[in-house]
Amino acid sequence: FFPEKFTTTNDIMCRKVVKEITTGKEKFLSPDIIFDSPRYDNTQLTSLAEVVNNSIALCPIDTRKKLYNNIVLSGGNTQFRGFGKRLYRDVKKILHM
């Protein structure tokens, strides 16, 4: 992973303020918090796979198989590379516990 520098310039009270942020592997790890939050924060957050599983578990038992087979992804975060495969793997892992 190669570090990248991002610079922004703002005019605050007629004075230019320049902020510089250097990112490295963090840029690629940021989507992980959606799937595995305890690694980055001590707060108790629920992973996306658990939310999907819990939502489907609330539905009638005869519809669950169809729901698991028809999970639809939409929104900006779903464009992260491997998002769908990761969600599929994590939901499958929960089901086989």
PDB file of N, CA and C in Angstrom:
ATOM      1  N   PHE A   1       0.845  -1.179   0.000  1.00  0.00           N
ATOM      2  CA  PHE A   1       0.000   0.000   0.000  1.00  0.00           C
ATOM      3  C   PHE A   1       0.885   1.233   0.000  1.00  0.00           C
ATOM      4  N   PHE A   2       0.623   2.118  -0.922  1.00  0.00           N
ATOM      5  CA  PHE A   2       1.408   3.329  -1.016  1.00  0.00           C
ATOM      6  C   PHE A   2       0.662   4.487  -0.358  1.00  0.00           C
ATOM      7  N   PRO A   3       1.321   5.217   0.539  1.00  0.00           N
ATOM      8  CA  PRO A   3       0.657   6.364   1.167  1.00  0.00           C
ATOM      9  C   PRO A   3       0.282   7.420   0.132  1.00  0.00           C
ATOM     10  N   GLU A   4      -0.865   8.057   0.347  1.00  0.00           N
ATOM     11  CA  GLU A   4      -1.318   9.143  -0.516  1.00  0.00           C
ATOM     12  C   GLU A   4      -1.566  10.368   0.343  1.00  0.00           C
ATOM     13  N   LYS A   5      -1.293  11.539  -0.207  1.00  0.00           N
ATOM     14  CA  LYS A   5      -1.557  12.785   0.505  1.00  0.00           C
ATOM     15  C   LYS A   5      -2.733  13.493  -0.142  1.00  0.00           C
ATOM     16  N   PHE A   6      -3.648  13.955   0.702  1.00  0.00           N
ATOM     17  CA  PHE A   6      -4.803  14.717   0.247  1.00  0.00           C
ATOM     18  C   PHE A   6      -4.734  16.084   0.913  1.00  0.00           C
ATOM     19  N   THR A   7      -4.887  17.140   0.134  1.00  0.00           N
ATOM     20  CA  THR A   7      -4.795  18.495   0.655  1.00  0.00           C
ATOM     21  C   THR A   7      -6.087  19.242   0.368  1.00  0.00           C
ATOM     22  N   THR A   8      -6.584  19.950   1.377  1.00  0.00           N
ATOM     23  CA  THR A   8      -7.753  20.808   1.189  1.00  0.00           C
ATOM     24  C   THR A   8      -7.393  22.212   1.643  1.00  0.00           C
ATOM     25  N   THR A   9      -7.973  23.182   0.990  1.00  0.00           N
ATOM     26  CA  THR A   9      -7.746  24.573   1.350  1.00  0.00           C
ATOM     27  C   THR A   9      -9.096  25.230   1.611  1.00  0.00           C
ATOM     28  N   ASN A  10      -9.218  25.867   2.761  1.00  0.00           N
ATOM     29  CA  ASN A  10     -10.445  26.556   3.128  1.00  0.00           C
ATOM     30  C   ASN A  10     -10.130  28.006   3.467  1.00  0.00           C
ATOM     31  N   ASP A  11     -11.065  28.884   3.155  1.00  0.00           N
ATOM     32  CA  ASP A  11     -10.949  30.278   3.584  1.00  0.00           C
ATOM     33  C   ASP A  11     -11.748  30.441   4.864  1.00  0.00           C
ATOM     34  N   ILE A  12     -11.049  30.607   5.965  1.00  0.00           N
ATOM     35  CA  ILE A  12     -11.708  30.817   7.248  1.00  0.00           C
ATOM     36  C   ILE A  12     -11.328  32.202   7.743  1.00  0.00           C
ATOM     37  N   MET A  13     -12.341  33.064   7.868  1.00  0.00           N
ATOM     38  CA  MET A  13     -12.147  34.441   8.334  1.00  0.00           C
ATOM     39  C   MET A  13     -11.061  35.143   7.518  1.00  0.00           C
ATOM     40  N   CYS A  14     -11.159  35.009   6.197  1.00  0.00           N
ATOM     41  CA  CYS A  14     -10.264  35.667   5.239  1.00  0.00           C
ATOM     42  C   CYS A  14      -8.814  35.197   5.354  1.00  0.00           C
ATOM     43  N   ARG A  15      -8.596  34.041   5.928  1.00  0.00           N
ATOM     44  CA  ARG A  15      -7.250  33.478   5.982  1.00  0.00           C
ATOM     45  C   ARG A  15      -7.301  32.072   5.403  1.00  0.00           C
ATOM     46  N   LYS A  16      -6.336  31.755   4.596  1.00  0.00           N
ATOM     47  CA  LYS A  16      -6.304  30.413   4.012  1.00  0.00           C
ATOM     48  C   LYS A  16      -5.784  29.412   5.044  1.00  0.00           C
ATOM     49  N   VAL A  17      -6.514  28.320   5.168  1.00  0.00           N
ATOM     50  CA  VAL A  17      -6.115  27.247   6.055  1.00  0.00           C
ATOM     51  C   VAL A  17      -5.922  26.002   5.196  1.00  0.00           C
ATOM     52  N   VAL A  18      -4.742  25.443   5.251  1.00  0.00           N
ATOM     53  CA  VAL A  18      -4.431  24.259   4.460  1.00  0.00           C
ATOM     54  C   VAL A  18      -4.330  23.062   5.402  1.00  0.00           C
ATOM     55  N   LYS A  19      -5.074  22.013   5.068  1.00  0.00           N
ATOM     56  CA  LYS A  19      -5.032  20.782   5.855  1.00  0.00           C
ATOM     57  C   LYS A  19      -4.524  19.671   4.958  1.00  0.00           C
ATOM     58  N   GLU A  20      -3.653  18.852   5.507  1.00  0.00           N
ATOM     59  CA  GLU A  20      -3.102  17.751   4.734  1.00  0.00           C
ATOM     60  C   GLU A  20      -3.316  16.453   5.504  1.00  0.00           C
ATOM     61  N   ILE A  21      -3.821  15.465   4.811  1.00  0.00           N
ATOM     62  CA  ILE A  21      -4.079  14.153   5.409  1.00  0.00           C
ATOM     63  C   ILE A  21      -3.316  13.116   4.590  1.00  0.00           C
ATOM     64  N   THR A  22      -2.591  12.254   5.282  1.00  0.00           N
ATOM     65  CA  THR A  22      -1.881  11.174   4.612  1.00  0.00           C
ATOM     66  C   THR A  22      -2.585   9.866   4.954  1.00  0.00           C
ATOM     67  N   THR A  23      -2.943   9.117   3.922  1.00  0.00           N
ATOM     68  CA  THR A  23      -3.591   7.824   4.136  1.00  0.00           C
ATOM     69  C   THR A  23      -2.731   6.718   3.559  1.00  0.00           C
ATOM     70  N   GLY A  24      -2.869   5.567   4.128  1.00  0.00           N
ATOM     71  CA  GLY A  24      -2.168   4.385   3.638  1.00  0.00           C
ATOM     72  C   GLY A  24      -3.149   3.244   3.553  1.00  0.00           C
ATOM     73  N   LYS A  25      -2.861   2.193   4.307  1.00  0.00           N
ATOM     74  CA  LYS A  25      -3.729   1.014   4.278  1.00  0.00           C
ATOM     75  C   LYS A  25      -5.112   1.283   4.852  1.00  0.00           C
ATOM     76  N   GLU A  26      -5.253   2.364   5.631  1.00  0.00           N
ATOM     77  CA  GLU A  26      -6.552   2.698   6.221  1.00  0.00           C
ATOM     78  C   GLU A  26      -7.634   2.862   5.163  1.00  0.00           C
ATOM     79  N   LYS A  27      -7.227   3.403   4.023  1.00  0.00           N
ATOM     80  CA  LYS A  27      -8.175   3.624   2.930  1.00  0.00           C
ATOM     81  C   LYS A  27      -8.822   2.317   2.479  1.00  0.00           C
ATOM     82  N   PHE A  28      -8.069   1.236   2.548  1.00  0.00           N
ATOM     83  CA  PHE A  28      -8.576  -0.054   2.106  1.00  0.00           C
ATOM     84  C   PHE A  28      -9.260  -0.823   3.229  1.00  0.00           C
ATOM     85  N   LEU A  29      -8.951  -0.484   4.474  1.00  0.00           N
ATOM     86  CA  LEU A  29      -9.539  -1.173   5.611  1.00  0.00           C
ATOM     87  C   LEU A  29     -10.855  -0.554   6.068  1.00  0.00           C
ATOM     88  N   SER A  30     -11.156   0.653   5.629  1.00  0.00           N
ATOM     89  CA  SER A  30     -12.352   1.344   6.117  1.00  0.00           C
ATOM     90  C   SER A  30     -13.655   0.572   5.900  1.00  0.00           C
ATOM     91  N   PRO A  31     -13.845  -0.153   4.800  1.00  0.00           N
ATOM     92  CA  PRO A  31     -15.088  -0.915   4.662  1.00  0.00           C
ATOM     93  C   PRO A  31     -15.216  -2.050   5.684  1.00  0.00           C
ATOM     94  N   ASP A  32     -14.107  -2.472   6.276  1.00  0.00           N
ATOM     95  CA  ASP A  32     -14.153  -3.580   7.233  1.00  0.00           C
ATOM     96  C   ASP A  32     -15.035  -3.293   8.437  1.00  0.00           C
ATOM     97  N   ILE A  33     -15.177  -2.039   8.808  1.00  0.00           N
ATOM     98  CA  ILE A  33     -15.994  -1.714   9.978  1.00  0.00           C
ATOM     99  C   ILE A  33     -17.456  -2.096   9.763  1.00  0.00           C
ATOM    100  N   ILE A  34     -17.879  -2.179   8.531  1.00  0.00           N
ATOM    101  CA  ILE A  34     -19.247  -2.612   8.221  1.00  0.00           C
ATOM    102  C   ILE A  34     -19.424  -4.092   8.576  1.00  0.00           C
ATOM    103  N   PHE A  35     -18.352  -4.852   8.421  1.00  0.00           N
ATOM    104  CA  PHE A  35     -18.424  -6.295   8.630  1.00  0.00           C
ATOM    105  C   PHE A  35     -17.923  -6.743   9.993  1.00  0.00           C
ATOM    106  N   ASP A  36     -16.938  -6.056  10.533  1.00  0.00           N
ATOM    107  CA  ASP A  36     -16.290  -6.522  11.757  1.00  0.00           C
ATOM    108  C   ASP A  36     -15.911  -5.337  12.630  1.00  0.00           C
ATOM    109  N   SER A  37     -16.879  -4.699  13.251  1.00  0.00           N
ATOM    110  CA  SER A  37     -16.635  -3.460  13.994  1.00  0.00           C
ATOM    111  C   SER A  37     -15.820  -3.592  15.275  1.00  0.00           C
ATOM    112  N   PRO A  38     -15.932  -4.666  16.061  1.00  0.00           N
ATOM    113  CA  PRO A  38     -15.194  -4.697  17.329  1.00  0.00           C
ATOM    114  C   PRO A  38     -13.678  -4.575  17.178  1.00  0.00           C
ATOM    115  N   ARG A  39     -13.134  -4.905  16.025  1.00  0.00           N
ATOM    116  CA  ARG A  39     -11.699  -4.808  15.816  1.00  0.00           C
ATOM    117  C   ARG A  39     -11.225  -3.356  15.882  1.00  0.00           C
ATOM    118  N   TYR A  40     -12.084  -2.401  15.558  1.00  0.00           N
ATOM    119  CA  TYR A  40     -11.682  -1.003  15.471  1.00  0.00           C
ATOM    120  C   TYR A  40     -12.219  -0.143  16.604  1.00  0.00           C
ATOM    121  N   ASP A  41     -13.200  -0.632  17.319  1.00  0.00           N
ATOM    122  CA  ASP A  41     -13.845   0.202  18.313  1.00  0.00           C
ATOM    123  C   ASP A  41     -14.372  -0.696  19.420  1.00  0.00           C
ATOM    124  N   ASN A  42     -14.371  -0.190  20.634  1.00  0.00           N
ATOM    125  CA  ASN A  42     -14.859  -0.998  21.754  1.00  0.00           C
ATOM    126  C   ASN A  42     -16.373  -0.976  21.897  1.00  0.00           C
ATOM    127  N   THR A  43     -17.058  -0.151  21.126  1.00  0.00           N
ATOM    128  CA  THR A  43     -18.511  -0.108  21.217  1.00  0.00           C
ATOM    129  C   THR A  43     -19.104  -1.372  20.608  1.00  0.00           C
ATOM    130  N   GLN A  44     -20.266  -1.763  21.078  1.00  0.00           N
ATOM    131  CA  GLN A  44     -20.932  -2.947  20.571  1.00  0.00           C
ATOM    132  C   GLN A  44     -21.799  -2.589  19.373  1.00  0.00           C
ATOM    133  N   LEU A  45     -21.287  -2.775  18.209  1.00  0.00           N
ATOM    134  CA  LEU A  45     -22.038  -2.562  16.984  1.00  0.00           C
ATOM    135  C   LEU A  45     -22.343  -3.922  16.368  1.00  0.00           C
ATOM    136  N   THR A  46     -23.400  -3.991  15.610  1.00  0.00           N
ATOM    137  CA  THR A  46     -23.789  -5.236  14.962  1.00  0.00           C
ATOM    138  C   THR A  46     -23.277  -5.227  13.533  1.00  0.00           C
ATOM    139  N   SER A  47     -22.659  -6.317  13.119  1.00  0.00           N
ATOM    140  CA  SER A  47     -22.144  -6.394  11.754  1.00  0.00           C
ATOM    141  C   SER A  47     -23.298  -6.464  10.766  1.00  0.00           C
ATOM    142  N   LEU A  48     -23.021  -6.129   9.526  1.00  0.00           N
ATOM    143  CA  LEU A  48     -24.046  -6.166   8.486  1.00  0.00           C
ATOM    144  C   LEU A  48     -24.599  -7.574   8.300  1.00  0.00           C
ATOM    145  N   ALA A  49     -23.744  -8.578   8.349  1.00  0.00           N
ATOM    146  CA  ALA A  49     -24.199  -9.965   8.194  1.00  0.00           C
ATOM    147  C   ALA A  49     -25.173 -10.344   9.307  1.00  0.00           C
ATOM    148  N   GLU A  50     -24.917  -9.875  10.522  1.00  0.00           N
ATOM    149  CA  GLU A  50     -25.827 -10.154  11.637  1.00  0.00           C
ATOM    150  C   GLU A  50     -27.155  -9.425  11.461  1.00  0.00           C
ATOM    151  N   VAL A  51     -27.113  -8.201  10.941  1.00  0.00           N
ATOM    152  CA  VAL A  51     -28.346  -7.450  10.692  1.00  0.00           C
ATOM    153  C   VAL A  51     -29.194  -8.169   9.653  1.00  0.00           C
ATOM    154  N   VAL A  52     -28.555  -8.633   8.572  1.00  0.00           N
ATOM    155  CA  VAL A  52     -29.274  -9.372   7.528  1.00  0.00           C
ATOM    156  C   VAL A  52     -29.877 -10.638   8.119  1.00  0.00           C
ATOM    157  N   ASN A  53     -29.068 -11.391   8.853  1.00  0.00           N
ATOM    158  CA  ASN A  53     -29.545 -12.639   9.443  1.00  0.00           C
ATOM    159  C   ASN A  53     -30.683 -12.397  10.436  1.00  0.00           C
ATOM    160  N   ASN A  54     -30.545 -11.411  11.297  1.00  0.00           N
ATOM    161  CA  ASN A  54     -31.587 -11.110  12.287  1.00  0.00           C
ATOM    162  C   ASN A  54     -32.887 -10.673  11.615  1.00  0.00           C
ATOM    163  N   SER A  55     -32.776  -9.915  10.542  1.00  0.00           N
ATOM    164  CA  SER A  55     -33.973  -9.465   9.821  1.00  0.00           C
ATOM    165  C   SER A  55     -34.706 -10.633   9.176  1.00  0.00           C
ATOM    166  N   ILE A  56     -33.950 -11.519   8.558  1.00  0.00           N
ATOM    167  CA  ILE A  56     -34.566 -12.679   7.913  1.00  0.00           C
ATOM    168  C   ILE A  56     -35.147 -13.627   8.961  1.00  0.00           C
ATOM    169  N   ALA A  57     -34.492 -13.740  10.110  1.00  0.00           N
ATOM    170  CA  ALA A  57     -34.982 -14.621  11.177  1.00  0.00           C
ATOM    171  C   ALA A  57     -36.330 -14.171  11.721  1.00  0.00           C
ATOM    172  N   LEU A  58     -36.665 -12.906  11.560  1.00  0.00           N
ATOM    173  CA  LEU A  58     -37.959 -12.391  12.024  1.00  0.00           C
ATOM    174  C   LEU A  58     -39.103 -12.711  11.058  1.00  0.00           C
ATOM    175  N   CYS A  59     -38.761 -13.182   9.879  1.00  0.00           N
ATOM    176  CA  CYS A  59     -39.779 -13.489   8.862  1.00  0.00           C
ATOM    177  C   CYS A  59     -40.310 -14.906   9.051  1.00  0.00           C
ATOM    178  N   PRO A  60     -41.472 -15.201   8.459  1.00  0.00           N
ATOM    179  CA  PRO A  60     -42.022 -16.560   8.557  1.00  0.00           C
ATOM    180  C   PRO A  60     -41.025 -17.599   8.045  1.00  0.00           C
ATOM    181  N   ILE A  61     -40.968 -18.719   8.715  1.00  0.00           N
ATOM    182  CA  ILE A  61     -39.968 -19.740   8.423  1.00  0.00           C
ATOM    183  C   ILE A  61     -40.026 -20.242   6.971  1.00  0.00           C
ATOM    184  N   ASP A  62     -41.219 -20.285   6.387  1.00  0.00           N
ATOM    185  CA  ASP A  62     -41.337 -20.802   5.021  1.00  0.00           C
ATOM    186  C   ASP A  62     -40.820 -19.817   3.967  1.00  0.00           C
ATOM    187  N   THR A  63     -40.523 -18.579   4.341  1.00  0.00           N
ATOM    188  CA  THR A  63     -40.003 -17.598   3.378  1.00  0.00           C
ATOM    189  C   THR A  63     -38.497 -17.375   3.523  1.00  0.00           C
ATOM    190  N   ARG A  64     -37.901 -17.881   4.568  1.00  0.00           N
ATOM    191  CA  ARG A  64     -36.490 -17.572   4.857  1.00  0.00           C
ATOM    192  C   ARG A  64     -35.520 -18.040   3.782  1.00  0.00           C
ATOM    193  N   LYS A  65     -35.708 -19.230   3.268  1.00  0.00           N
ATOM    194  CA  LYS A  65     -34.792 -19.749   2.252  1.00  0.00           C
ATOM    195  C   LYS A  65     -34.784 -18.835   1.020  1.00  0.00           C
ATOM    196  N   LYS A  66     -35.969 -18.405   0.592  1.00  0.00           N
ATOM    197  CA  LYS A  66     -36.054 -17.494  -0.564  1.00  0.00           C
ATOM    198  C   LYS A  66     -35.385 -16.160  -0.260  1.00  0.00           C
ATOM    199  N   LEU A  67     -35.564 -15.669   0.961  1.00  0.00           N
ATOM    200  CA  LEU A  67     -34.950 -14.396   1.323  1.00  0.00           C
ATOM    201  C   LEU A  67     -33.418 -14.502   1.341  1.00  0.00           C
ATOM    202  N   TYR A  68     -32.886 -15.582   1.907  1.00  0.00           N
ATOM    203  CA  TYR A  68     -31.432 -15.768   1.909  1.00  0.00           C
ATOM    204  C   TYR A  68     -30.875 -15.865   0.493  1.00  0.00           C
ATOM    205  N   ASN A  69     -31.650 -16.415  -0.421  1.00  0.00           N
ATOM    206  CA  ASN A  69     -31.202 -16.568  -1.804  1.00  0.00           C
ATOM    207  C   ASN A  69     -31.421 -15.320  -2.656  1.00  0.00           C
ATOM    208  N   ASN A  70     -32.061 -14.302  -2.100  1.00  0.00           N
ATOM    209  CA  ASN A  70     -32.370 -13.100  -2.878  1.00  0.00           C
ATOM    210  C   ASN A  70     -32.013 -11.818  -2.137  1.00  0.00           C
ATOM    211  N   ILE A  71     -30.825 -11.768  -1.558  1.00  0.00           N
ATOM    212  CA  ILE A  71     -30.360 -10.556  -0.886  1.00  0.00           C
ATOM    213  C   ILE A  71     -29.915  -9.569  -1.961  1.00  0.00           C
ATOM    214  N   VAL A  72     -30.460  -8.371  -1.925  1.00  0.00           N
ATOM    215  CA  VAL A  72     -30.153  -7.345  -2.928  1.00  0.00           C
ATOM    216  C   VAL A  72     -29.285  -6.263  -2.281  1.00  0.00           C
ATOM    217  N   LEU A  73     -28.197  -5.907  -2.953  1.00  0.00           N
ATOM    218  CA  LEU A  73     -27.308  -4.863  -2.460  1.00  0.00           C
ATOM    219  C   LEU A  73     -27.560  -3.579  -3.231  1.00  0.00           C
ATOM    220  N   SER A  74     -27.636  -2.465  -2.516  1.00  0.00           N
ATOM    221  CA  SER A  74     -27.777  -1.175  -3.187  1.00  0.00           C
ATOM    222  C   SER A  74     -27.127  -0.107  -2.318  1.00  0.00           C
ATOM    223  N   GLY A  75     -26.719   0.970  -2.934  1.00  0.00           N
ATOM    224  CA  GLY A  75     -26.091   2.065  -2.203  1.00  0.00           C
ATOM    225  C   GLY A  75     -24.605   2.153  -2.487  1.00  0.00           C
ATOM    226  N   GLY A  76     -24.030   3.255  -2.100  1.00  0.00           N
ATOM    227  CA  GLY A  76     -22.632   3.550  -2.415  1.00  0.00           C
ATOM    228  C   GLY A  76     -21.633   2.577  -1.829  1.00  0.00           C
ATOM    229  N   ASN A  77     -21.832   2.158  -0.580  1.00  0.00           N
ATOM    230  CA  ASN A  77     -20.859   1.262   0.051  1.00  0.00           C
ATOM    231  C   ASN A  77     -20.803  -0.098  -0.618  1.00  0.00           C
ATOM    232  N   THR A  78     -21.844  -0.499  -1.293  1.00  0.00           N
ATOM    233  CA  THR A  78     -21.843  -1.802  -1.953  1.00  0.00           C
ATOM    234  C   THR A  78     -20.914  -1.828  -3.157  1.00  0.00           C
ATOM    235  N   GLN A  79     -20.397  -0.678  -3.532  1.00  0.00           N
ATOM    236  CA  GLN A  79     -19.477  -0.602  -4.671  1.00  0.00           C
ATOM    237  C   GLN A  79     -18.040  -0.946  -4.287  1.00  0.00           C
ATOM    238  N   PHE A  80     -17.775  -1.100  -2.980  1.00  0.00           N
ATOM    239  CA  PHE A  80     -16.436  -1.523  -2.569  1.00  0.00           C
ATOM    240  C   PHE A  80     -16.151  -2.890  -3.157  1.00  0.00           C
ATOM    241  N   ARG A  81     -14.935  -3.082  -3.624  1.00  0.00           N
ATOM    242  CA  ARG A  81     -14.547  -4.337  -4.250  1.00  0.00           C
ATOM    243  C   ARG A  81     -14.727  -5.502  -3.277  1.00  0.00           C
ATOM    244  N   GLY A  82     -15.404  -6.545  -3.697  1.00  0.00           N
ATOM    245  CA  GLY A  82     -15.600  -7.742  -2.895  1.00  0.00           C
ATOM    246  C   GLY A  82     -16.694  -7.641  -1.842  1.00  0.00           C
ATOM    247  N   PHE A  83     -17.474  -6.552  -1.857  1.00  0.00           N
ATOM    248  CA  PHE A  83     -18.504  -6.335  -0.839  1.00  0.00           C
ATOM    249  C   PHE A  83     -19.521  -7.473  -0.826  1.00  0.00           C
ATOM    250  N   GLY A  84     -20.048  -7.813  -1.986  1.00  0.00           N
ATOM    251  CA  GLY A  84     -21.060  -8.868  -2.080  1.00  0.00           C
ATOM    252  C   GLY A  84     -20.524 -10.221  -1.653  1.00  0.00           C
ATOM    253  N   LYS A  85     -19.316 -10.555  -2.090  1.00  0.00           N
ATOM    254  CA  LYS A  85     -18.708 -11.831  -1.722  1.00  0.00           C
ATOM    255  C   LYS A  85     -18.471 -11.908  -0.219  1.00  0.00           C
ATOM    256  N   ARG A  86     -18.039 -10.795   0.362  1.00  0.00           N
ATOM    257  CA  ARG A  86     -17.780 -10.765   1.805  1.00  0.00           C
ATOM    258  C   ARG A  86     -19.083 -10.926   2.584  1.00  0.00           C
ATOM    259  N   LEU A  87     -20.134 -10.250   2.171  1.00  0.00           N
ATOM    260  CA  LEU A  87     -21.418 -10.380   2.856  1.00  0.00           C
ATOM    261  C   LEU A  87     -21.937 -11.811   2.743  1.00  0.00           C
ATOM    262  N   TYR A  88     -21.847 -12.388   1.563  1.00  0.00           N
ATOM    263  CA  TYR A  88     -22.280 -13.771   1.341  1.00  0.00           C
ATOM    264  C   TYR A  88     -21.528 -14.723   2.273  1.00  0.00           C
ATOM    265  N   ARG A  89     -20.209 -14.556   2.335  1.00  0.00           N
ATOM    266  CA  ARG A  89     -19.382 -15.419   3.181  1.00  0.00           C
ATOM    267  C   ARG A  89     -19.754 -15.274   4.657  1.00  0.00           C
ATOM    268  N   ASP A  90     -19.947 -14.034   5.116  1.00  0.00           N
ATOM    269  CA  ASP A  90     -20.248 -13.800   6.530  1.00  0.00           C
ATOM    270  C   ASP A  90     -21.634 -14.299   6.918  1.00  0.00           C
ATOM    271  N   VAL A  91     -22.618 -14.120   6.051  1.00  0.00           N
ATOM    272  CA  VAL A  91     -23.961 -14.631   6.336  1.00  0.00           C
ATOM    273  C   VAL A  91     -23.931 -16.159   6.360  1.00  0.00           C
ATOM    274  N   LYS A  92     -23.232 -16.753   5.421  1.00  0.00           N
ATOM    275  CA  LYS A  92     -23.118 -18.214   5.361  1.00  0.00           C
ATOM    276  C   LYS A  92     -22.453 -18.752   6.629  1.00  0.00           C
ATOM    277  N   LYS A  93     -21.434 -18.041   7.109  1.00  0.00           N
ATOM    278  CA  LYS A  93     -20.737 -18.450   8.345  1.00  0.00           C
ATOM    279  C   LYS A  93     -21.698 -18.430   9.543  1.00  0.00           C
ATOM    280  N   ILE A  94     -22.550 -17.398   9.618  1.00  0.00           N
ATOM    281  CA  ILE A  94     -23.517 -17.309  10.716  1.00  0.00           C
ATOM    282  C   ILE A  94     -24.517 -18.464  10.649  1.00  0.00           C
ATOM    283  N   LEU A  95     -24.952 -18.814   9.442  1.00  0.00           N
ATOM    284  CA  LEU A  95     -25.941 -19.879   9.282  1.00  0.00           C
ATOM    285  C   LEU A  95     -25.393 -21.243   9.673  1.00  0.00           C
ATOM    286  N   HIS A  96     -24.097 -21.448   9.509  1.00  0.00           N
ATOM    287  CA  HIS A  96     -23.502 -22.744   9.795  1.00  0.00           C
ATOM    288  C   HIS A  96     -22.952 -22.861  11.210  1.00  0.00           C
ATOM    289  N   MET A  97     -23.218 -21.862  12.045  1.00  0.00           N
ATOM    290  CA  MET A  97     -22.740 -21.921  13.434  1.00  0.00           C
ATOM    291  C   MET A  97     -23.579 -22.879  14.233  1.00  0.00           C
TER     292      MET A  97
END
